[in-house]
Amino acid sequence: MIEKDIAPAFAALGHEARLKIYRQLVKAGDDGLNIGDIGRLLDLPASTLAHHLGTLVQAGLVHQEKHGRETRNRADFDVMRDLLGFIADECCSGVDLGGGAALATATTTESETVA
């Protein structure tokens, strides 16, 4: 994945209410939650919840399924793993500053540099 493809998902999670909603859906697992349950858990009005869920759906983080009068919301765990992987993939691999030099992670502590 590249930044332009994954940025909308991170942007959607950049709001406190949406992050709380998403975390509740992750906790719920594959069963997901209906809109009423999410609203009760987070004490959010229906209109506010609908707006934020719409943003999460549009970003591909949440899937909604209608079952009669109920709408079931589920976190897309494949997308979640992609987000986490994107952040962790190059952890501590160093930064190429050009000319073959790489900036390695700092291994000295402040006390070592003072001595």
N, C-alpha and C. Protein backbone atom coordinates (compact mmCIF):
# COMPACT_ATOMS: atom_id res chain seq x y z
N MET A 1 0.84 -1.18 0.00
CA MET A 1 0.00 0.00 0.00
C MET A 1 0.88 1.25 0.00
N ILE A 2 0.35 2.29 -0.57
CA ILE A 2 1.06 3.57 -0.57
C ILE A 2 0.23 4.61 0.17
N GLU A 3 0.91 5.69 0.55
CA GLU A 3 0.29 6.70 1.40
C GLU A 3 -1.04 7.21 0.88
N LYS A 4 -1.13 7.51 -0.42
CA LYS A 4 -2.37 8.09 -0.95
C LYS A 4 -3.54 7.12 -0.86
N ASP A 5 -3.27 5.82 -0.84
CA ASP A 5 -4.33 4.83 -0.74
C ASP A 5 -4.79 4.60 0.70
N ILE A 6 -3.90 4.78 1.64
CA ILE A 6 -4.20 4.46 3.03
C ILE A 6 -4.56 5.69 3.87
N ALA A 7 -4.21 6.87 3.38
CA ALA A 7 -4.45 8.11 4.13
C ALA A 7 -5.92 8.33 4.49
N PRO A 8 -6.89 8.03 3.61
CA PRO A 8 -8.30 8.25 3.99
C PRO A 8 -8.72 7.45 5.23
N ALA A 9 -8.19 6.26 5.39
CA ALA A 9 -8.53 5.45 6.57
C ALA A 9 -7.97 6.10 7.83
N PHE A 10 -6.72 6.54 7.76
CA PHE A 10 -6.15 7.22 8.92
C PHE A 10 -6.88 8.52 9.21
N ALA A 11 -7.28 9.24 8.17
CA ALA A 11 -8.02 10.49 8.36
C ALA A 11 -9.35 10.21 9.05
N ALA A 12 -10.02 9.14 8.66
CA ALA A 12 -11.30 8.81 9.27
C ALA A 12 -11.13 8.49 10.75
N LEU A 13 -10.03 7.89 11.12
CA LEU A 13 -9.78 7.56 12.53
C LEU A 13 -9.27 8.75 13.33
N GLY A 14 -9.05 9.87 12.65
CA GLY A 14 -8.49 11.05 13.29
C GLY A 14 -9.51 11.89 14.06
N HIS A 15 -10.68 11.38 14.27
CA HIS A 15 -11.71 12.08 15.05
C HIS A 15 -12.02 11.21 16.26
N GLU A 16 -12.10 11.82 17.43
CA GLU A 16 -12.29 11.08 18.67
C GLU A 16 -13.53 10.16 18.64
N ALA A 17 -14.65 10.68 18.16
CA ALA A 17 -15.87 9.87 18.14
C ALA A 17 -15.72 8.68 17.20
N ARG A 18 -15.13 8.90 16.02
CA ARG A 18 -14.96 7.79 15.08
C ARG A 18 -13.99 6.76 15.60
N LEU A 19 -12.96 7.20 16.29
CA LEU A 19 -12.00 6.27 16.88
C LEU A 19 -12.68 5.42 17.94
N LYS A 20 -13.53 6.03 18.75
CA LYS A 20 -14.27 5.28 19.78
C LYS A 20 -15.23 4.27 19.14
N ILE A 21 -15.92 4.69 18.10
CA ILE A 21 -16.84 3.79 17.39
C ILE A 21 -16.06 2.60 16.83
N TYR A 22 -14.97 2.89 16.16
CA TYR A 22 -14.17 1.84 15.54
C TYR A 22 -13.64 0.86 16.58
N ARG A 23 -13.16 1.37 17.70
CA ARG A 23 -12.64 0.50 18.76
C ARG A 23 -13.74 -0.41 19.31
N GLN A 24 -14.96 0.11 19.44
CA GLN A 24 -16.07 -0.72 19.90
C GLN A 24 -16.36 -1.84 18.89
N LEU A 25 -16.29 -1.51 17.61
CA LEU A 25 -16.53 -2.52 16.58
C LEU A 25 -15.42 -3.56 16.55
N VAL A 26 -14.20 -3.14 16.80
CA VAL A 26 -13.08 -4.09 16.88
C VAL A 26 -13.30 -5.02 18.08
N LYS A 27 -13.70 -4.45 19.21
CA LYS A 27 -13.98 -5.27 20.40
C LYS A 27 -15.09 -6.28 20.14
N ALA A 28 -16.09 -5.87 19.35
CA ALA A 28 -17.25 -6.73 19.09
C ALA A 28 -16.90 -7.92 18.20
N GLY A 29 -15.82 -7.83 17.48
CA GLY A 29 -15.39 -8.94 16.62
C GLY A 29 -16.29 -9.10 15.41
N ASP A 30 -16.35 -10.33 14.91
CA ASP A 30 -17.10 -10.62 13.69
C ASP A 30 -18.60 -10.42 13.82
N ASP A 31 -19.12 -10.46 15.05
CA ASP A 31 -20.55 -10.25 15.24
C ASP A 31 -20.96 -8.81 14.99
N GLY A 32 -20.04 -7.88 15.20
CA GLY A 32 -20.35 -6.47 15.00
C GLY A 32 -21.38 -5.98 15.99
N LEU A 33 -21.90 -4.79 15.73
CA LEU A 33 -22.89 -4.16 16.59
C LEU A 33 -23.93 -3.45 15.73
N ASN A 34 -25.16 -3.38 16.23
CA ASN A 34 -26.14 -2.58 15.51
C ASN A 34 -25.99 -1.12 15.95
N ILE A 35 -26.60 -0.25 15.22
CA ILE A 35 -26.45 1.19 15.45
C ILE A 35 -26.93 1.58 16.85
N GLY A 36 -28.05 1.00 17.28
CA GLY A 36 -28.59 1.31 18.61
C GLY A 36 -27.62 0.94 19.72
N ASP A 37 -26.97 -0.22 19.59
CA ASP A 37 -26.01 -0.65 20.60
C ASP A 37 -24.80 0.28 20.67
N ILE A 38 -24.31 0.69 19.52
CA ILE A 38 -23.17 1.61 19.50
C ILE A 38 -23.56 2.92 20.16
N GLY A 39 -24.73 3.42 19.82
CA GLY A 39 -25.21 4.68 20.40
C GLY A 39 -25.32 4.61 21.91
N ARG A 40 -25.84 3.49 22.42
CA ARG A 40 -25.96 3.32 23.88
C ARG A 40 -24.59 3.20 24.54
N LEU A 41 -23.69 2.43 23.93
CA LEU A 41 -22.36 2.24 24.51
C LEU A 41 -21.58 3.55 24.60
N LEU A 42 -21.73 4.38 23.59
CA LEU A 42 -20.92 5.61 23.51
C LEU A 42 -21.71 6.87 23.83
N ASP A 43 -22.99 6.71 24.12
CA ASP A 43 -23.86 7.84 24.43
C ASP A 43 -23.80 8.90 23.33
N LEU A 44 -24.01 8.44 22.10
CA LEU A 44 -24.02 9.34 20.94
C LEU A 44 -25.42 9.41 20.36
N PRO A 45 -25.87 10.61 19.99
CA PRO A 45 -27.17 10.74 19.33
C PRO A 45 -27.15 10.04 17.97
N ALA A 46 -28.29 9.54 17.54
CA ALA A 46 -28.39 8.79 16.29
C ALA A 46 -27.86 9.54 15.09
N SER A 47 -28.16 10.84 14.99
CA SER A 47 -27.70 11.60 13.82
C SER A 47 -26.18 11.74 13.80
N THR A 48 -25.59 11.96 14.96
CA THR A 48 -24.13 12.07 15.05
C THR A 48 -23.49 10.74 14.72
N LEU A 49 -24.05 9.67 15.26
CA LEU A 49 -23.53 8.34 15.01
C LEU A 49 -23.60 7.98 13.53
N ALA A 50 -24.71 8.27 12.90
CA ALA A 50 -24.88 7.99 11.47
C ALA A 50 -23.84 8.72 10.64
N HIS A 51 -23.58 9.96 10.97
CA HIS A 51 -22.57 10.74 10.25
C HIS A 51 -21.19 10.09 10.38
N HIS A 52 -20.80 9.75 11.59
CA HIS A 52 -19.48 9.19 11.82
C HIS A 52 -19.34 7.78 11.24
N LEU A 53 -20.39 6.97 11.34
CA LEU A 53 -20.36 5.65 10.72
C LEU A 53 -20.22 5.76 9.21
N GLY A 54 -20.91 6.72 8.63
CA GLY A 54 -20.80 6.94 7.18
C GLY A 54 -19.38 7.23 6.76
N THR A 55 -18.67 8.01 7.55
CA THR A 55 -17.27 8.33 7.25
C THR A 55 -16.40 7.07 7.34
N LEU A 56 -16.64 6.25 8.37
CA LEU A 56 -15.87 5.01 8.52
C LEU A 56 -16.16 4.02 7.40
N VAL A 57 -17.41 3.97 6.96
CA VAL A 57 -17.79 3.10 5.85
C VAL A 57 -17.12 3.58 4.57
N GLN A 58 -17.18 4.87 4.32
CA GLN A 58 -16.59 5.45 3.11
C GLN A 58 -15.08 5.20 3.07
N ALA A 59 -14.43 5.20 4.21
CA ALA A 59 -12.98 4.97 4.28
C ALA A 59 -12.64 3.49 4.18
N GLY A 60 -13.64 2.61 4.16
CA GLY A 60 -13.40 1.18 4.02
C GLY A 60 -13.09 0.47 5.32
N LEU A 61 -13.25 1.15 6.44
CA LEU A 61 -12.93 0.57 7.74
C LEU A 61 -14.07 -0.26 8.31
N VAL A 62 -15.30 0.05 7.91
CA VAL A 62 -16.48 -0.59 8.46
C VAL A 62 -17.39 -1.03 7.32
N HIS A 63 -17.99 -2.22 7.50
CA HIS A 63 -19.00 -2.71 6.57
C HIS A 63 -20.33 -2.73 7.28
N GLN A 64 -21.38 -2.36 6.55
CA GLN A 64 -22.73 -2.38 7.09
C GLN A 64 -23.57 -3.38 6.32
N GLU A 65 -24.39 -4.12 7.06
CA GLU A 65 -25.31 -5.07 6.45
C GLU A 65 -26.70 -4.85 7.04
N LYS A 66 -27.68 -4.77 6.16
CA LYS A 66 -29.07 -4.62 6.59
C LYS A 66 -29.65 -6.00 6.85
N HIS A 67 -30.30 -6.15 7.98
CA HIS A 67 -31.03 -7.36 8.33
C HIS A 67 -32.40 -6.90 8.81
N GLY A 68 -33.34 -6.83 7.88
CA GLY A 68 -34.66 -6.30 8.21
C GLY A 68 -34.54 -4.82 8.55
N ARG A 69 -34.95 -4.46 9.76
CA ARG A 69 -34.88 -3.07 10.19
C ARG A 69 -33.56 -2.73 10.88
N GLU A 70 -32.73 -3.74 11.08
CA GLU A 70 -31.48 -3.54 11.79
C GLU A 70 -30.31 -3.41 10.82
N THR A 71 -29.37 -2.52 11.14
CA THR A 71 -28.14 -2.40 10.37
C THR A 71 -27.00 -2.86 11.25
N ARG A 72 -26.31 -3.90 10.79
CA ARG A 72 -25.18 -4.46 11.53
C ARG A 72 -23.90 -3.82 11.00
N ASN A 73 -23.05 -3.39 11.91
CA ASN A 73 -21.79 -2.73 11.57
C ASN A 73 -20.64 -3.61 12.03
N ARG A 74 -19.69 -3.84 11.12
CA ARG A 74 -18.54 -4.67 11.45
C ARG A 74 -17.26 -3.99 10.98
N ALA A 75 -16.24 -4.08 11.82
CA ALA A 75 -14.93 -3.60 11.42
C ALA A 75 -14.39 -4.53 10.34
N ASP A 76 -13.73 -3.97 9.35
CA ASP A 76 -13.07 -4.78 8.32
C ASP A 76 -11.67 -5.09 8.85
N PHE A 77 -11.48 -6.31 9.33
CA PHE A 77 -10.22 -6.67 9.97
C PHE A 77 -9.06 -6.78 8.99
N ASP A 78 -9.34 -7.06 7.73
CA ASP A 78 -8.26 -7.06 6.73
C ASP A 78 -7.70 -5.65 6.55
N VAL A 79 -8.59 -4.67 6.49
CA VAL A 79 -8.15 -3.28 6.36
C VAL A 79 -7.39 -2.86 7.61
N MET A 80 -7.88 -3.27 8.77
CA MET A 80 -7.18 -2.94 10.02
C MET A 80 -5.76 -3.51 10.01
N ARG A 81 -5.62 -4.76 9.59
CA ARG A 81 -4.28 -5.36 9.52
C ARG A 81 -3.40 -4.63 8.52
N ASP A 82 -3.98 -4.19 7.41
CA ASP A 82 -3.21 -3.42 6.42
C ASP A 82 -2.70 -2.11 7.03
N LEU A 83 -3.56 -1.43 7.80
CA LEU A 83 -3.14 -0.18 8.44
C LEU A 83 -2.00 -0.42 9.42
N LEU A 84 -2.16 -1.43 10.26
CA LEU A 84 -1.12 -1.73 11.23
C LEU A 84 0.17 -2.16 10.54
N GLY A 85 0.04 -2.96 9.51
CA GLY A 85 1.22 -3.40 8.76
C GLY A 85 1.92 -2.25 8.09
N PHE A 86 1.16 -1.32 7.55
CA PHE A 86 1.74 -0.16 6.88
C PHE A 86 2.63 0.63 7.84
N ILE A 87 2.16 0.80 9.06
CA ILE A 87 2.92 1.54 10.06
C ILE A 87 4.15 0.74 10.51
N ALA A 88 4.01 -0.55 10.67
CA ALA A 88 5.07 -1.37 11.26
C ALA A 88 6.06 -1.95 10.24
N ASP A 89 5.71 -1.99 8.96
CA ASP A 89 6.53 -2.67 7.96
C ASP A 89 8.01 -2.29 7.97
N GLU A 90 8.30 -1.04 8.09
CA GLU A 90 9.68 -0.61 8.00
C GLU A 90 10.23 -0.13 9.33
N CYS A 91 9.65 -0.61 10.40
CA CYS A 91 10.07 -0.20 11.73
C CYS A 91 11.56 -0.44 11.93
N CYS A 92 12.25 0.61 12.33
CA CYS A 92 13.65 0.54 12.73
C CYS A 92 14.58 0.09 11.62
N SER A 93 14.20 0.28 10.36
CA SER A 93 15.03 -0.18 9.24
C SER A 93 16.07 0.86 8.84
N GLY A 94 16.03 2.03 9.47
CA GLY A 94 16.98 3.08 9.11
C GLY A 94 16.42 3.95 8.01
N VAL A 95 17.03 5.10 7.82
CA VAL A 95 16.60 6.06 6.81
C VAL A 95 17.77 6.32 5.87
N ASP A 96 17.55 6.14 4.56
CA ASP A 96 18.60 6.39 3.57
C ASP A 96 18.72 7.88 3.34
N LEU A 97 19.87 8.45 3.69
CA LEU A 97 20.10 9.88 3.53
C LEU A 97 20.77 10.20 2.21
N GLY A 98 20.88 9.21 1.34
CA GLY A 98 21.52 9.41 0.05
C GLY A 98 23.00 9.07 0.14
N GLY A 99 23.61 8.74 -0.98
CA GLY A 99 25.03 8.42 -0.99
C GLY A 99 25.36 7.14 -0.23
N GLY A 100 24.36 6.29 -0.01
CA GLY A 100 24.60 5.02 0.66
C GLY A 100 24.63 5.11 2.17
N ALA A 101 24.59 6.31 2.72
CA ALA A 101 24.61 6.44 4.18
C ALA A 101 23.20 6.26 4.72
N ALA A 102 23.10 5.55 5.81
CA ALA A 102 21.80 5.35 6.44
C ALA A 102 21.85 5.88 7.85
N LEU A 103 20.81 6.56 8.23
CA LEU A 103 20.68 7.04 9.59
C LEU A 103 20.09 5.91 10.40
N ALA A 104 20.89 5.32 11.25
CA ALA A 104 20.42 4.19 12.06
C ALA A 104 19.70 4.73 13.28
N THR A 105 18.96 3.86 13.92
CA THR A 105 18.27 4.27 15.13
C THR A 105 19.30 4.58 16.20
N ALA A 106 19.01 5.58 16.97
CA ALA A 106 19.94 5.99 18.03
C ALA A 106 20.06 4.88 19.05
N THR A 107 21.30 4.50 19.35
CA THR A 107 21.52 3.44 20.33
C THR A 107 22.23 3.96 21.56
N THR A 108 22.62 5.22 21.53
CA THR A 108 23.27 5.78 22.71
C THR A 108 22.26 6.51 23.56
N THR A 109 22.48 6.49 24.85
CA THR A 109 21.61 7.21 25.74
C THR A 109 22.22 8.56 26.05
N GLU A 110 21.44 9.43 26.63
CA GLU A 110 21.94 10.76 26.97
C GLU A 110 23.14 10.66 27.90
N SER A 111 23.13 9.73 28.85
CA SER A 111 24.23 9.61 29.80
C SER A 111 25.51 9.17 29.10
N GLU A 112 25.39 8.37 28.01
CA GLU A 112 26.57 7.95 27.28
C GLU A 112 27.19 9.10 26.50
N THR A 113 26.37 10.02 26.00
CA THR A 113 26.89 11.11 25.21
C THR A 113 27.53 12.18 26.09
N VAL A 114 27.13 12.26 27.34
CA VAL A 114 27.70 13.25 28.27
C VAL A 114 29.09 12.84 28.72
N ALA A 115 29.33 11.55 28.87
CA ALA A 115 30.61 11.04 29.37
C ALA A 115 31.66 11.27 28.39
